[in-house]
Amino acid sequence: MKKVLSRFTSVSDVFLALRVLGWALVLPILKHVVPVRRLAAVMYLAPRSDPRDFPREDRIVTFARWGARLIRWKSGGNCLERGLIAYRYLCQAGAKPTLVVGLGGSGKTAIVGHAWVLVDGQPAGESRASIALYTPVFAFDHHGTLLAAPPDAASSGPMIVPAGGPRLP
């Protein structure tokens, strides 16, 4: 409990955590009725004019992870929900995040999806090794706009996508 409380440094952190929890309650339903392209646009928040606050960005990622876990405790949380929440508040914080959705799987295993957020070309709250298992299929920039080419999971550069781009749900 002490570790959790140490993450709250101000009253604004409490309000942020409450907003995160609200989205964590709504997104499990929304993601089934609203296409991802529209969800990314809905989750976009215009950045404030404050200078970047890197410790706050870290708290945003932590609160998004906690919020997603609280709602789906047994599974450890849903990556798309966690990613959308982190993306929303990182946009507002002026971090210029990229929301990436990818697919992975090999050989006889089923294809699995994963969503993650990049900030300054680096995964936020995840290791580069953990996302290297997935091929980015589509991504959204810090304005909620679909990118023509998603960033490659192994580097911060773009990857080539088929003509016409990816099909989105």
Protein backbone atom coordinates (compact mmCIF):
# COMPACT_ATOMS: atom_id res chain seq x y z
CA MET A 1 0.00 0.00 0.00
CA LYS A 2 2.89 2.32 0.78
CA LYS A 3 4.24 1.82 -2.75
CA VAL A 4 0.89 2.78 -4.26
CA LEU A 5 0.52 5.87 -2.10
CA SER A 6 4.06 6.98 -2.97
CA ARG A 7 2.99 7.36 -6.63
CA PHE A 8 0.54 10.13 -5.68
CA THR A 9 2.45 13.38 -5.41
CA SER A 10 -0.42 15.88 -5.59
CA VAL A 11 -4.18 16.27 -5.58
CA SER A 12 -4.07 16.38 -9.38
CA ASP A 13 -2.68 12.82 -9.31
CA VAL A 14 -5.75 11.69 -7.36
CA PHE A 15 -8.03 13.29 -9.96
CA LEU A 16 -5.97 11.74 -12.77
CA ALA A 17 -6.30 8.30 -11.15
CA LEU A 18 -10.08 8.77 -10.85
CA ARG A 19 -10.37 9.76 -14.52
CA VAL A 20 -8.23 6.75 -15.48
CA LEU A 21 -10.49 4.48 -13.46
CA GLY A 22 -13.55 5.94 -15.19
CA TRP A 23 -12.09 5.12 -18.60
CA ALA A 24 -11.04 1.67 -17.37
CA LEU A 25 -14.69 0.99 -16.52
CA VAL A 26 -16.04 2.25 -19.88
CA LEU A 27 -13.46 1.00 -22.40
CA PRO A 28 -14.21 -2.74 -22.06
CA ILE A 29 -17.64 -1.99 -23.51
CA LEU A 30 -16.70 0.83 -25.89
CA LYS A 31 -13.99 -1.15 -27.66
CA HIS A 32 -16.62 -3.68 -28.76
CA VAL A 33 -19.00 -1.11 -30.25
CA VAL A 34 -16.68 1.65 -31.47
CA PRO A 35 -14.01 0.99 -34.14
CA VAL A 36 -10.41 1.46 -32.99
CA ARG A 37 -9.94 4.31 -35.46
CA ARG A 38 -12.76 6.23 -33.81
CA LEU A 39 -11.63 5.30 -30.29
CA ALA A 40 -8.18 6.76 -30.95
CA ALA A 41 -9.77 10.02 -32.05
CA VAL A 42 -12.07 10.05 -29.01
CA MET A 43 -9.18 9.38 -26.64
CA TYR A 44 -7.09 12.25 -28.00
CA LEU A 45 -6.80 15.22 -25.65
CA ALA A 46 -5.17 18.45 -26.79
CA PRO A 47 -1.88 19.06 -24.99
CA ARG A 48 -1.67 21.63 -22.26
CA SER A 49 0.84 24.43 -22.71
CA ASP A 50 2.90 23.29 -19.70
CA PRO A 51 6.43 22.03 -20.31
CA ARG A 52 6.81 18.24 -20.35
CA ASP A 53 6.86 16.66 -16.92
CA PHE A 54 8.62 13.29 -17.26
CA PRO A 55 7.75 12.04 -13.74
CA ARG A 56 4.08 12.81 -14.45
CA GLU A 57 4.29 10.91 -17.74
CA ASP A 58 5.62 7.94 -15.77
CA ARG A 59 2.71 8.23 -13.33
CA ILE A 60 0.25 8.35 -16.24
CA VAL A 61 1.60 5.06 -17.58
CA THR A 62 1.51 3.53 -14.08
CA PHE A 63 -2.06 4.69 -13.40
CA ALA A 64 -3.20 3.36 -16.81
CA ARG A 65 -1.68 -0.04 -15.98
CA TRP A 66 -3.30 -0.04 -12.53
CA GLY A 67 -6.69 1.01 -13.90
CA ALA A 68 -6.72 -1.75 -16.51
CA ARG A 69 -5.66 -4.32 -13.91
CA LEU A 70 -8.30 -3.28 -11.39
CA ILE A 71 -11.06 -3.94 -13.89
CA ARG A 72 -9.60 -7.25 -15.14
CA TRP A 73 -7.65 -8.48 -12.14
CA LYS A 74 -7.30 -12.14 -13.14
CA SER A 75 -5.91 -11.40 -16.61
CA GLY A 76 -3.63 -8.57 -15.50
CA GLY A 77 -5.51 -6.02 -17.59
CA ASN A 78 -6.16 -5.51 -21.27
CA CYS A 79 -3.40 -3.96 -23.38
CA LEU A 80 -5.72 -2.01 -25.69
CA GLU A 81 -7.59 -0.46 -22.78
CA ARG A 82 -4.32 0.32 -20.97
CA GLY A 83 -2.84 1.75 -24.17
CA LEU A 84 -5.85 3.94 -24.93
CA ILE A 85 -5.88 5.36 -21.41
CA ALA A 86 -2.13 6.05 -21.37
CA TYR A 87 -2.37 7.53 -24.88
CA ARG A 88 -5.15 9.92 -23.80
CA TYR A 89 -3.33 11.43 -20.85
CA LEU A 90 0.11 11.36 -22.48
CA CYS A 91 -1.38 13.41 -25.34
CA GLN A 92 -2.69 15.89 -22.80
CA ALA A 93 0.73 15.97 -21.10
CA GLY A 94 2.37 16.97 -24.39
CA ALA A 95 4.39 13.75 -24.69
CA LYS A 96 3.32 13.22 -28.34
CA PRO A 97 2.60 9.49 -27.93
CA THR A 98 1.97 6.97 -30.69
CA LEU A 99 -0.60 4.24 -30.11
CA VAL A 100 0.45 1.05 -31.92
CA VAL A 101 -1.57 -2.12 -32.54
CA GLY A 102 0.27 -5.21 -33.70
CA LEU A 103 -0.06 -8.92 -34.27
CA GLY A 104 2.19 -11.76 -33.19
CA GLY A 105 2.38 -15.53 -33.08
CA SER A 106 4.61 -18.12 -34.58
CA GLY A 107 4.29 -21.52 -36.14
CA LYS A 108 1.46 -23.49 -34.58
CA THR A 109 0.45 -20.84 -32.04
CA ALA A 110 -2.59 -18.69 -32.53
CA ILE A 111 -2.20 -15.15 -33.78
CA VAL A 112 -2.45 -12.71 -30.89
CA GLY A 113 -2.82 -8.96 -30.84
CA HIS A 114 -1.12 -6.43 -28.65
CA ALA A 115 -1.36 -2.67 -28.22
CA TRP A 116 1.30 -0.39 -26.81
CA VAL A 117 2.24 3.26 -26.60
CA LEU A 118 5.49 4.82 -27.79
CA VAL A 119 6.85 8.06 -26.39
CA ASP A 120 9.93 9.53 -28.03
CA GLY A 121 10.17 6.28 -30.03
CA GLN A 122 10.40 4.13 -26.89
CA PRO A 123 7.72 1.83 -25.45
CA ALA A 124 6.01 3.39 -22.43
CA GLY A 125 5.72 0.95 -19.55
CA GLU A 126 6.98 -2.04 -21.55
CA SER A 127 10.33 -3.34 -22.68
CA ARG A 128 11.41 -3.15 -26.29
CA ALA A 129 11.92 -6.94 -26.16
CA SER A 130 8.25 -7.51 -25.19
CA ILE A 131 6.92 -5.60 -28.20
CA ALA A 132 9.51 -7.05 -30.60
CA LEU A 133 7.36 -10.19 -30.66
CA TYR A 134 4.66 -8.28 -32.56
CA THR A 135 4.46 -6.81 -36.05
CA PRO A 136 2.83 -3.37 -36.00
CA VAL A 137 -0.29 -3.36 -38.16
CA PHE A 138 -1.51 0.20 -37.62
CA ALA A 139 -0.77 3.17 -35.40
CA PHE A 140 -2.15 6.55 -34.42
CA ASP A 141 -0.11 9.70 -33.94
CA HIS A 142 -0.44 12.18 -31.09
CA HIS A 143 -3.45 13.79 -32.79
CA GLY A 144 -5.48 10.57 -33.07
CA THR A 145 -4.71 10.34 -36.80
CA LEU A 146 -4.00 7.00 -38.45
CA LEU A 147 -0.38 6.86 -39.60
CA ALA A 148 0.38 5.77 -43.16
CA ALA A 149 3.10 3.45 -41.83
CA PRO A 150 3.26 2.26 -38.21
CA PRO A 151 6.60 2.35 -36.44
CA ASP A 152 8.54 -0.90 -36.48
CA ALA A 153 8.60 -2.71 -33.14
CA ALA A 154 12.33 -3.36 -33.42
CA SER A 155 13.28 0.24 -34.15
CA SER A 156 11.78 3.68 -33.97
CA GLY A 157 11.61 3.96 -37.77
CA PRO A 158 8.52 3.27 -39.89
CA MET A 159 7.81 -0.13 -41.39
CA ILE A 160 6.45 -0.69 -44.87
CA VAL A 161 2.78 -1.58 -45.10
CA PRO A 162 0.84 -2.92 -48.09
CA ALA A 163 -0.60 -0.45 -50.59
CA GLY A 164 -3.91 0.85 -49.34
CA GLY A 165 -2.80 0.52 -45.72
CA PRO A 166 -4.18 -1.75 -43.03
CA ARG A 167 -7.85 -2.54 -42.66
CA LEU A 168 -9.21 -1.28 -39.39
CA PRO A 169 -12.10 -2.65 -37.38
